[in-house]
C-alpha atoms as a PDB file:
ATOM      1  CA  MET A   1       0.000   0.000   0.000  1.00  0.00           C
ATOM      2  CA  LYS A   2       1.263   3.440  -0.865  1.00  0.00           C
ATOM      3  CA  LYS A   3       2.352   5.413   2.163  1.00  0.00           C
ATOM      4  CA  THR A   4      -0.436   7.707   3.290  1.00  0.00           C
ATOM      5  CA  GLU A   5      -0.269  10.717   5.570  1.00  0.00           C
ATOM      6  CA  ILE A   6      -3.298  12.057   7.343  1.00  0.00           C
ATOM      7  CA  TYR A   7      -3.164  15.537   8.845  1.00  0.00           C
ATOM      8  CA  ILE A   8      -5.772  16.707  11.276  1.00  0.00           C
ATOM      9  CA  ILE A   9      -6.541  20.340  10.517  1.00  0.00           C
ATOM     10  CA  ALA A  10      -9.521  20.616  12.877  1.00  0.00           C
ATOM     11  CA  ILE A  11     -10.193  18.178  15.690  1.00  0.00           C
ATOM     12  CA  LEU A  12     -13.773  17.347  16.588  1.00  0.00           C
ATOM     13  CA  THR A  13     -13.915  17.330  20.349  1.00  0.00           C
ATOM     14  CA  CYS A  14     -16.416  16.926  23.144  1.00  0.00           C
ATOM     15  CA  ALA A  15     -14.914  19.751  25.188  1.00  0.00           C
ATOM     16  CA  PRO A  16     -17.231  22.760  25.619  1.00  0.00           C
ATOM     17  CA  LEU A  17     -16.037  26.205  24.632  1.00  0.00           C
ATOM     18  CA  PHE A  18     -16.484  29.249  26.859  1.00  0.00           C
ATOM     19  CA  GLY A  19     -16.146  32.904  25.934  1.00  0.00           C
ATOM     20  CA  GLN A  20     -15.130  35.167  28.789  1.00  0.00           C
ATOM     21  CA  VAL A  21     -14.324  38.760  29.558  1.00  0.00           C
ATOM     22  CA  SER A  22     -10.559  39.116  29.815  1.00  0.00           C
ATOM     23  CA  GLY A  23     -10.416  41.265  32.948  1.00  0.00           C
ATOM     24  CA  ASN A  24      -7.376  43.186  34.117  1.00  0.00           C
ATOM     25  CA  GLN A  25      -5.172  40.104  33.827  1.00  0.00           C
ATOM     26  CA  VAL A  26      -4.384  41.048  30.222  1.00  0.00           C
ATOM     27  CA  GLN A  27      -2.267  43.949  31.481  1.00  0.00           C
ATOM     28  CA  ASN A  28       0.496  41.634  32.678  1.00  0.00           C
ATOM     29  CA  SER A  29      -0.338  38.390  30.912  1.00  0.00           C
ATOM     30  CA  SER A  30       2.111  36.815  28.496  1.00  0.00           C
ATOM     31  CA  ASN A  31      -0.755  34.676  27.112  1.00  0.00           C
ATOM     32  CA  SER A  32       1.411  31.606  27.539  1.00  0.00           C
ATOM     33  CA  ASN A  33       0.353  28.288  28.972  1.00  0.00           C
ATOM     34  CA  ARG A  34       2.787  25.410  28.968  1.00  0.00           C
ATOM     35  CA  TYR A  35      -0.053  22.887  28.770  1.00  0.00           C
ATOM     36  CA  ALA A  36      -1.917  24.548  25.921  1.00  0.00           C
ATOM     37  CA  THR A  37      -1.612  22.509  22.761  1.00  0.00           C
ATOM     38  CA  SER A  38      -0.846  23.719  19.279  1.00  0.00           C
ATOM     39  CA  PHE A  39      -3.288  23.648  16.387  1.00  0.00           C
ATOM     40  CA  ALA A  40      -0.481  22.616  14.018  1.00  0.00           C
ATOM     41  CA  PRO A  41      -1.297  19.508  11.917  1.00  0.00           C
ATOM     42  CA  GLU A  42      -0.755  16.265  13.797  1.00  0.00           C
ATOM     43  CA  LYS A  43       0.892  13.433  11.885  1.00  0.00           C
ATOM     44  CA  LEU A  44      -0.838  10.122  12.544  1.00  0.00           C
ATOM     45  CA  PHE A  45       0.937   7.569  10.397  1.00  0.00           C
ATOM     46  CA  ILE A  46       4.200   6.077  11.656  1.00  0.00           C
ATOM     47  CA  ASN A  47       4.786   4.097   8.445  1.00  0.00           C
ATOM     48  CA  ASP A  48       2.843   2.196   5.770  1.00  0.00           C
ATOM     49  CA  SER A  49       1.603  -0.418   8.212  1.00  0.00           C
ATOM     50  CA  SER A  50       0.773   1.416  11.439  1.00  0.00           C
ATOM     51  CA  PHE A  51      -0.566   4.647  12.844  1.00  0.00           C
ATOM     52  CA  VAL A  52      -1.238   6.232  16.230  1.00  0.00           C
ATOM     53  CA  ILE A  53      -4.364   7.887  17.611  1.00  0.00           C
ATOM     54  CA  GLN A  54      -4.067  10.227  20.567  1.00  0.00           C
ATOM     55  CA  ALA A  55      -6.533  11.415  23.204  1.00  0.00           C
ATOM     56  CA  LYS A  56      -5.794  14.472  25.364  1.00  0.00           C
ATOM     57  CA  MET A  57      -7.885  14.492  28.514  1.00  0.00           C
ATOM     58  CA  LEU A  58      -8.378  16.901  31.416  1.00  0.00           C
ATOM     59  CA  LEU A  59     -10.230  16.320  34.690  1.00  0.00           C
ATOM     60  CA  ASN A  60     -10.987  19.097  37.187  1.00  0.00           C
ATOM     61  CA  ALA A  61     -11.402  17.533  40.624  1.00  0.00           C
ATOM     62  CA  LYS A  62     -12.089  18.815  44.119  1.00  0.00           C
ATOM     63  CA  ALA A  63      -9.617  17.682  46.735  1.00  0.00           C
ATOM     64  CA  ASP A  64     -10.728  15.013  49.192  1.00  0.00           C
ATOM     65  CA  SER A  65      -9.066  16.836  52.078  1.00  0.00           C
ATOM     66  CA  TYR A  66      -6.676  19.695  52.844  1.00  0.00           C
ATOM     67  CA  VAL A  67      -3.688  20.395  55.053  1.00  0.00           C
ATOM     68  CA  ALA A  68      -3.000  23.923  56.317  1.00  0.00           C
ATOM     69  CA  VAL A  69       0.411  24.909  57.637  1.00  0.00           C
ATOM     70  CA  PHE A  70       0.548  27.887  60.016  1.00  0.00           C
ATOM     71  CA  ALA A  71       3.946  29.256  61.037  1.00  0.00           C
ATOM     72  CA  VAL A  72       4.511  30.325  64.660  1.00  0.00           C
ATOM     73  CA  ALA A  73       7.541  32.317  65.836  1.00  0.00           C
ATOM     74  CA  ASP A  74       8.717  33.610  69.215  1.00  0.00           C
ATOM     75  CA  THR A  75      11.797  35.308  70.670  1.00  0.00           C
ATOM     76  CA  ALA A  76      13.524  35.398  74.059  1.00  0.00           C
ATOM     77  CA  GLU A  77      16.921  36.022  75.580  1.00  0.00           C
ATOM     78  CA  THR A  78      17.689  32.294  75.973  1.00  0.00           C
ATOM     79  CA  VAL A  79      16.868  29.201  73.945  1.00  0.00           C
ATOM     80  CA  ILE A  80      15.172  27.510  76.909  1.00  0.00           C
ATOM     81  CA  GLU A  81      12.934  30.494  77.587  1.00  0.00           C
ATOM     82  CA  CYS A  82      12.141  30.913  73.895  1.00  0.00           C
ATOM     83  CA  ASN A  83      11.194  27.255  73.450  1.00  0.00           C
ATOM     84  CA  LYS A  84       9.021  27.382  76.580  1.00  0.00           C
ATOM     85  CA  ARG A  85       7.179  30.479  75.345  1.00  0.00           C
ATOM     86  CA  ILE A  86       6.462  29.096  71.881  1.00  0.00           C
ATOM     87  CA  ASN A  87       5.350  25.712  73.274  1.00  0.00           C
ATOM     88  CA  THR A  88       2.928  27.419  75.655  1.00  0.00           C
ATOM     89  CA  ARG A  89       1.430  29.397  72.771  1.00  0.00           C
ATOM     90  CA  ILE A  90       1.131  26.336  70.531  1.00  0.00           C
ATOM     91  CA  GLU A  91      -0.441  24.263  73.306  1.00  0.00           C
ATOM     92  CA  LYS A  92      -3.181  26.861  73.775  1.00  0.00           C
ATOM     93  CA  TYR A  93      -3.543  27.160  69.992  1.00  0.00           C
ATOM     94  CA  LEU A  94      -4.075  23.403  69.615  1.00  0.00           C
ATOM     95  CA  LYS A  95      -6.646  23.349  72.413  1.00  0.00           C
ATOM     96  CA  ASP A  96      -8.597  26.159  70.766  1.00  0.00           C
ATOM     97  CA  LEU A  97      -8.519  24.236  67.484  1.00  0.00           C
ATOM     98  CA  GLY A  98      -9.876  21.158  69.263  1.00  0.00           C
ATOM     99  CA  LYS A  99     -12.755  23.149  70.762  1.00  0.00           C
ATOM    100  CA  GLU A 100     -13.750  24.272  67.261  1.00  0.00           C
ATOM    101  CA  GLY A 101     -13.847  20.740  65.864  1.00  0.00           C
ATOM    102  CA  PHE A 102     -10.341  20.390  64.485  1.00  0.00           C
ATOM    103  CA  VAL A 103      -9.273  17.109  66.107  1.00  0.00           C
ATOM    104  CA  GLU A 104      -6.272  17.897  68.276  1.00  0.00           C
ATOM    105  CA  LYS A 105      -4.666  14.459  67.933  1.00  0.00           C
ATOM    106  CA  LYS A 106      -4.453  14.799  64.148  1.00  0.00           C
ATOM    107  CA  ASN A 107      -2.611  18.109  64.286  1.00  0.00           C
ATOM    108  CA  ALA A 108       1.182  18.069  64.242  1.00  0.00           C
ATOM    109  CA  VAL A 109       3.985  20.461  65.157  1.00  0.00           C
ATOM    110  CA  ASP A 110       7.133  20.746  63.066  1.00  0.00           C
ATOM    111  CA  PHE A 111      10.255  22.417  64.532  1.00  0.00           C
ATOM    112  CA  THR A 112      11.719  24.432  61.627  1.00  0.00           C
ATOM    113  CA  THR A 113      14.431  26.901  62.729  1.00  0.00           C
ATOM    114  CA  GLN A 114      16.350  28.246  65.693  1.00  0.00           C
ATOM    115  CA  THR A 115      18.359  31.392  64.973  1.00  0.00           C
ATOM    116  CA  LYS A 116      20.366  33.986  66.870  1.00  0.00           C
ATOM    117  CA  ILE A 117      19.237  37.602  67.042  1.00  0.00           C
ATOM    118  CA  TYR A 118      21.875  40.314  66.945  1.00  0.00           C
ATOM    119  CA  ASP A 119      21.650  43.999  67.828  1.00  0.00           C
ATOM    120  CA  TYR A 120      24.055  46.966  68.043  1.00  0.00           C
ATOM    121  CA  ALA A 121      25.129  48.989  71.063  1.00  0.00           C
ATOM    122  CA  ASN A 122      26.912  52.303  71.089  1.00  0.00           C
ATOM    123  CA  ASN A 123      30.446  52.152  72.440  1.00  0.00           C
ATOM    124  CA  GLY A 124      31.938  55.603  72.040  1.00  0.00           C
ATOM    125  CA  ASP A 125      32.475  56.236  68.339  1.00  0.00           C
ATOM    126  CA  VAL A 126      31.675  52.634  67.412  1.00  0.00           C
ATOM    127  CA  TYR A 127      28.455  50.615  67.308  1.00  0.00           C
ATOM    128  CA  GLU A 128      29.309  47.079  68.346  1.00  0.00           C
ATOM    129  CA  GLN A 129      27.215  44.064  67.514  1.00  0.00           C
ATOM    130  CA  PHE A 130      26.098  41.772  70.318  1.00  0.00           C
ATOM    131  CA  LEU A 131      23.901  38.689  70.775  1.00  0.00           C
ATOM    132  CA  SER A 132      20.547  39.899  72.068  1.00  0.00           C
ATOM    133  CA  GLY A 133      18.481  36.709  71.997  1.00  0.00           C
ATOM    134  CA  TYR A 134      17.091  33.804  70.005  1.00  0.00           C
ATOM    135  CA  GLU A 135      14.178  33.154  67.686  1.00  0.00           C
ATOM    136  CA  ILE A 136      12.468  29.774  67.285  1.00  0.00           C
ATOM    137  CA  LYS A 137       9.995  28.969  64.536  1.00  0.00           C
ATOM    138  CA  LYS A 138       7.615  26.033  64.422  1.00  0.00           C
ATOM    139  CA  ASN A 139       4.869  25.008  62.025  1.00  0.00           C
ATOM    140  CA  VAL A 140       1.463  23.810  63.163  1.00  0.00           C
ATOM    141  CA  ILE A 141       0.092  21.340  60.597  1.00  0.00           C
ATOM    142  CA  ILE A 142      -3.708  21.057  60.542  1.00  0.00           C
ATOM    143  CA  PRO A 143      -5.650  18.593  58.334  1.00  0.00           C
ATOM    144  CA  PHE A 144      -9.285  19.396  57.516  1.00  0.00           C
ATOM    145  CA  ARG A 145     -11.961  18.130  55.137  1.00  0.00           C
ATOM    146  CA  ASN A 146     -13.950  21.179  54.040  1.00  0.00           C
ATOM    147  CA  LEU A 147     -12.306  24.105  52.265  1.00  0.00           C
ATOM    148  CA  ASP A 148     -14.860  26.453  53.843  1.00  0.00           C
ATOM    149  CA  ASP A 149     -13.261  25.639  57.216  1.00  0.00           C
ATOM    150  CA  LEU A 150     -10.112  27.490  56.188  1.00  0.00           C
ATOM    151  CA  GLU A 151     -11.694  30.831  57.110  1.00  0.00           C
ATOM    152  CA  LYS A 152     -12.537  29.466  60.551  1.00  0.00           C
ATOM    153  CA  LEU A 153      -8.929  28.284  60.903  1.00  0.00           C
ATOM    154  CA  ILE A 154      -7.640  31.756  60.039  1.00  0.00           C
ATOM    155  CA  LEU A 155      -9.859  33.366  62.707  1.00  0.00           C
ATOM    156  CA  ILE A 156      -8.791  30.849  65.381  1.00  0.00           C
ATOM    157  CA  SER A 157      -5.176  31.449  64.434  1.00  0.00           C
ATOM    158  CA  ALA A 158      -5.577  35.209  64.661  1.00  0.00           C
ATOM    159  CA  ARG A 159      -7.040  34.888  68.173  1.00  0.00           C
ATOM    160  CA  ASN A 160      -3.823  33.076  69.121  1.00  0.00           C
ATOM    161  CA  LYS A 161      -1.666  35.695  67.385  1.00  0.00           C
ATOM    162  CA  VAL A 162      -0.732  33.291  64.610  1.00  0.00           C
ATOM    163  CA  TYR A 163      -0.899  35.231  61.365  1.00  0.00           C
ATOM    164  CA  ASP A 164       1.363  33.382  58.929  1.00  0.00           C
ATOM    165  CA  LEU A 165      -0.485  30.861  56.763  1.00  0.00           C
ATOM    166  CA  ALA A 166       2.488  29.222  55.069  1.00  0.00           C
ATOM    167  CA  LYS A 167       0.596  26.986  52.638  1.00  0.00           C
ATOM    168  CA  VAL A 168      -2.454  24.832  52.002  1.00  0.00           C
ATOM    169  CA  ASP A 169      -1.988  21.387  50.463  1.00  0.00           C
ATOM    170  CA  TYR A 170      -4.753  19.796  48.382  1.00  0.00           C
ATOM    171  CA  VAL A 171      -4.965  16.032  48.957  1.00  0.00           C
ATOM    172  CA  ILE A 172      -6.275  13.489  46.449  1.00  0.00           C
ATOM    173  CA  GLU A 173      -6.752  10.260  48.369  1.00  0.00           C
ATOM    174  CA  ASP A 174      -7.360   7.849  45.458  1.00  0.00           C
ATOM    175  CA  MET A 175      -5.183   8.825  42.512  1.00  0.00           C
ATOM    176  CA  GLU A 176      -5.769   5.427  40.880  1.00  0.00           C
ATOM    177  CA  LYS A 177      -9.501   6.201  40.666  1.00  0.00           C
ATOM    178  CA  VAL A 178      -8.748   9.524  38.965  1.00  0.00           C
ATOM    179  CA  TYR A 179      -6.385   7.843  36.515  1.00  0.00           C
ATOM    180  CA  GLY A 180      -8.933   5.119  35.738  1.00  0.00           C
ATOM    181  CA  GLN A 181     -11.667   7.664  35.002  1.00  0.00           C
ATOM    182  CA  LEU A 182      -9.409   9.556  32.598  1.00  0.00           C
ATOM    183  CA  PHE A 183      -8.113   6.377  30.957  1.00  0.00           C
ATOM    184  CA  ASP A 184     -11.613   4.995  30.289  1.00  0.00           C
ATOM    185  CA  ALA A 185     -12.732   8.338  28.838  1.00  0.00           C
ATOM    186  CA  ALA A 186      -9.595   8.486  26.670  1.00  0.00           C
ATOM    187  CA  ILE A 187     -10.277   5.025  25.238  1.00  0.00           C
ATOM    188  CA  GLN A 188     -13.781   6.134  24.255  1.00  0.00           C
ATOM    189  CA  ILE A 189     -12.334   9.157  22.430  1.00  0.00           C
ATOM    190  CA  ILE A 190      -9.719   7.026  20.665  1.00  0.00           C
ATOM    191  CA  ASN A 191     -12.278   4.446  19.531  1.00  0.00           C
ATOM    192  CA  SER A 192     -14.502   7.226  18.216  1.00  0.00           C
ATOM    193  CA  LYS A 193     -11.590   8.745  16.281  1.00  0.00           C
ATOM    194  CA  LYS A 194     -10.566   5.321  14.967  1.00  0.00           C
ATOM    195  CA  LYS A 195     -14.059   4.745  13.611  1.00  0.00           C
ATOM    196  CA  ARG A 196     -13.974   8.080  11.763  1.00  0.00           C
ATOM    197  CA  TYR A 197     -10.502   7.531  10.335  1.00  0.00           C
ATOM    198  CA  VAL A 198     -11.279   4.005   9.143  1.00  0.00           C
ATOM    199  CA  SER A 199     -14.493   5.243   7.544  1.00  0.00           C
ATOM    200  CA  VAL A 200     -12.666   8.018   5.687  1.00  0.00           C
ATOM    201  CA  THR A 201      -9.672   5.949   4.541  1.00  0.00           C
ATOM    202  CA  ASN A 202     -11.332   2.530   4.004  1.00  0.00           C
ATOM    203  CA  LEU A 203      -8.451   0.906   5.892  1.00  0.00           C
ATOM    204  CA  LYS A 204      -8.706  -2.494   7.526  1.00  0.00           C
ATOM    205  CA  LEU A 205      -7.088  -2.770  10.948  1.00  0.00           C
ATOM    206  CA  LYS A 206      -5.775  -5.764  12.804  1.00  0.00           C
ATOM    207  CA  LYS A 207      -7.670  -6.661  15.962  1.00  0.00           C
ATOM    208  CA  ALA A 208      -4.685  -6.187  18.256  1.00  0.00           C
ATOM    209  CA  SER A 209      -3.460  -2.737  19.304  1.00  0.00           C
ATOM    210  CA  GLN A 210      -0.913  -1.464  21.816  1.00  0.00           C
ATOM    211  CA  VAL A 211      -0.318   1.487  24.087  1.00  0.00           C
ATOM    212  CA  TYR A 212       2.219   3.625  22.234  1.00  0.00           C
ATOM    213  CA  SER A 213       2.795   6.321  24.875  1.00  0.00           C
ATOM    214  CA  GLU A 214       1.202   7.723  27.994  1.00  0.00           C
ATOM    215  CA  SER A 215       1.646  10.786  30.161  1.00  0.00           C
ATOM    216  CA  PHE A 216      -0.314  11.407  33.368  1.00  0.00           C
ATOM    217  CA  ARG A 217       0.201  14.323  35.752  1.00  0.00           C
ATOM    218  CA  SER A 218      -1.617  16.433  38.301  1.00  0.00           C
ATOM    219  CA  LEU A 219      -1.398  20.192  38.769  1.00  0.00           C
ATOM    220  CA  PHE A 220      -2.197  21.605  42.196  1.00  0.00           C
ATOM    221  CA  PRO A 221      -3.515  25.119  42.930  1.00  0.00           C
ATOM    222  CA  LYS A 222      -0.250  26.283  44.519  1.00  0.00           C
ATOM    223  CA  ASP A 223       1.340  26.172  41.051  1.00  0.00           C
ATOM    224  CA  GLN A 224      -1.614  27.709  39.220  1.00  0.00           C
ATOM    225  CA  TYR A 225      -1.814  31.187  40.731  1.00  0.00           C
ATOM    226  CA  LYS A 226      -0.701  34.214  38.733  1.00  0.00           C
ATOM    227  CA  SER A 227      -0.418  37.869  39.621  1.00  0.00           C
ATOM    228  CA  TYR A 228      -0.663  41.249  37.985  1.00  0.00           C
ATOM    229  CA  THR A 229      -0.387  44.844  39.108  1.00  0.00           C
ATOM    230  CA  SER A 230      -3.028  47.131  37.691  1.00  0.00           C
ATOM    231  CA  ASN A 231      -1.654  49.714  35.279  1.00  0.00           C
ATOM    232  CA  GLU A 232      -3.046  53.185  35.782  1.00  0.00           C
ATOM    233  CA  SER A 233      -2.552  56.190  33.529  1.00  0.00           C
ATOM    234  CA  THR A 234      -1.017  59.225  35.226  1.00  0.00           C
ATOM    235  CA  LYS A 235      -1.599  62.875  34.430  1.00  0.00           C
ATOM    236  CA  TYR A 236       0.589  65.644  35.801  1.00  0.00           C
ATOM    237  CA  SER A 237      -1.077  69.034  36.208  1.00  0.00           C
ATOM    238  CA  ASN A 238       0.898  72.071  37.371  1.00  0.00           C
ATOM    239  CA  TYR A 239       3.717  69.788  38.502  1.00  0.00           C
ATOM    240  CA  ASN A 240       6.923  71.511  39.663  1.00  0.00           C
ATOM    241  CA  THR A 241       9.873  69.345  38.656  1.00  0.00           C
ATOM    242  CA  ARG A 242      11.902  70.616  41.624  1.00  0.00           C
ATOM    243  CA  TYR A 243       9.872  68.377  43.918  1.00  0.00           C
ATOM    244  CA  ASP A 244      10.011  64.613  44.237  1.00  0.00           C
ATOM    245  CA  ARG A 245       6.943  62.618  43.298  1.00  0.00           C
ATOM    246  CA  LYS A 246       5.273  60.337  45.833  1.00  0.00           C
ATOM    247  CA  SER A 247       3.027  57.794  44.116  1.00  0.00           C
ATOM    248  CA  LEU A 248       0.160  55.850  45.610  1.00  0.00           C
ATOM    249  CA  ARG A 249       0.891  52.244  46.535  1.00  0.00           C
ATOM    250  CA  LYS A 250      -0.181  49.701  43.914  1.00  0.00           C
ATOM    251  CA  THR A 251      -0.527  46.169  45.210  1.00  0.00           C
ATOM    252  CA  PRO A 252      -0.450  43.041  43.032  1.00  0.00           C
ATOM    253  CA  THR A 253      -3.587  40.984  42.530  1.00  0.00           C
ATOM    254  CA  TYR A 254      -3.441  37.181  42.618  1.00  0.00           C
ATOM    255  CA  TYR A 255      -5.872  34.870  40.868  1.00  0.00           C
ATOM    256  CA  TYR A 256      -6.226  31.152  40.155  1.00  0.00           C
ATOM    257  CA  ASP A 257      -5.566  30.444  36.477  1.00  0.00           C
ATOM    258  CA  LYS A 258      -6.698  27.023  35.278  1.00  0.00           C
ATOM    259  CA  ILE A 259      -5.173  25.253  32.293  1.00  0.00           C
ATOM    260  CA  ASP A 260      -6.315  26.522  28.903  1.00  0.00           C
ATOM    261  CA  TYR A 261      -8.863  24.054  27.522  1.00  0.00           C
ATOM    262  CA  SER A 262      -7.802  24.465  23.892  1.00  0.00           C
ATOM    263  CA  GLY A 263      -6.406  21.289  22.348  1.00  0.00           C
ATOM    264  CA  PHE A 264      -8.029  18.850  24.774  1.00  0.00           C
ATOM    265  CA  ASP A 265     -10.348  16.215  23.359  1.00  0.00           C
ATOM    266  CA  LYS A 266     -12.472  16.178  26.490  1.00  0.00           C
ATOM    267  CA  VAL A 267     -12.665  18.196  29.710  1.00  0.00           C
ATOM    268  CA  ILE A 268     -14.422  16.500  32.618  1.00  0.00           C
ATOM    269  CA  ASN A 269     -16.060  18.976  35.033  1.00  0.00           C
ATOM    270  CA  PRO A 270     -15.206  22.003  32.861  1.00  0.00           C
ATOM    271  CA  ILE A 271     -16.836  24.743  34.955  1.00  0.00           C
ATOM    272  CA  VAL A 272     -14.346  25.962  37.557  1.00  0.00           C
ATOM    273  CA  THR A 273     -15.578  28.246  40.342  1.00  0.00           C
ATOM    274  CA  GLU A 274     -12.891  27.461  42.931  1.00  0.00           C
ATOM    275  CA  PRO A 275      -9.284  26.245  42.900  1.00  0.00           C
ATOM    276  CA  LEU A 276      -9.241  22.581  41.884  1.00  0.00           C
ATOM    277  CA  VAL A 277      -6.693  19.880  41.209  1.00  0.00           C
ATOM    278  CA  GLN A 278      -6.309  19.475  37.441  1.00  0.00           C
ATOM    279  CA  HIS A 279      -5.375  16.017  36.153  1.00  0.00           C
ATOM    280  CA  VAL A 280      -4.026  15.630  32.611  1.00  0.00           C
ATOM    281  CA  LEU A 281      -3.720  12.398  30.618  1.00  0.00           C
ATOM    282  CA  ASN A 282      -2.227  12.115  27.135  1.00  0.00           C
ATOM    283  CA  LEU A 283      -2.755   8.615  25.768  1.00  0.00           C
ATOM    284  CA  GLN A 284      -1.639   7.231  22.385  1.00  0.00           C
ATOM    285  CA  ILE A 285      -2.741   3.876  20.975  1.00  0.00           C
ATOM    286  CA  LYS A 286      -0.926   2.258  18.055  1.00  0.00           C
ATOM    287  CA  PHE A 287      -2.954   0.362  15.423  1.00  0.00           C
ATOM    288  CA  GLU A 288      -1.622  -2.026  12.782  1.00  0.00           C
ATOM    289  CA  ILE A 289      -2.999  -1.958   9.238  1.00  0.00           C
ATOM    290  CA  GLU A 290      -3.854  -5.146   7.393  1.00  0.00           C
ATOM    291  CA  GLN A 291      -1.945  -5.380   4.143  1.00  0.00           C
ATOM    292  CA  ASP A 292      -3.726  -6.370   0.930  1.00  0.00           C
END
């Protein structure tokens, strides 16, 4: 059989398309997404006797549980006194968490750093550095099931003068289940594509096929946030250049930016209204062609 090349110029997909207002993010956006796929033609045939069909899948999933890490710090003149002070604070903190339904036995404390604190004292014409005390930092690790409880955690922490929320981990408890859901959906897409291609080309395929390549990964919210600082136009009226300008403070805005849906054959749970864990599966199946 003469070698044939099929190029896919437009891919028929099941993924819904959404138009949206761009918002202020366009001011600082590079419009790049490392998981967005190209619309360049995709070569299917490997040689005269085999070709590969690919399915690109995306699943947006809520986490099964979460883990918040709050950082606690304290200072004192000696290490013993400093450790005693921070332990007393954390003990009260954990008890308050327990009273609010966050099971005390499941919470953990991680000792992170112990550092020296230096200061300067005037000694005639010289300021000399001296050891003034110590600082100890510990993390309180709190698992919880409902994301809405994070606000309650922040308020409890503030009452205990704990203000540093270091991070929040999103936990997927059964990754095999997620993978299986994506794999089964990918096989359906591949079989649908195979039926179309065989119908168009009048090829006859052997019954056996094989997995040619596979890539599965998960992206967590901590890696999906972007920021921008709003650009404002400035007008100077009756400005005397002899004086320094003092501008208003412009703070950056952070927002969760999901993966671009373009190029995916199917997106499961496409509507995103909160930070989710995004699972991506690229699956390729190789088919052999019967020779006349």
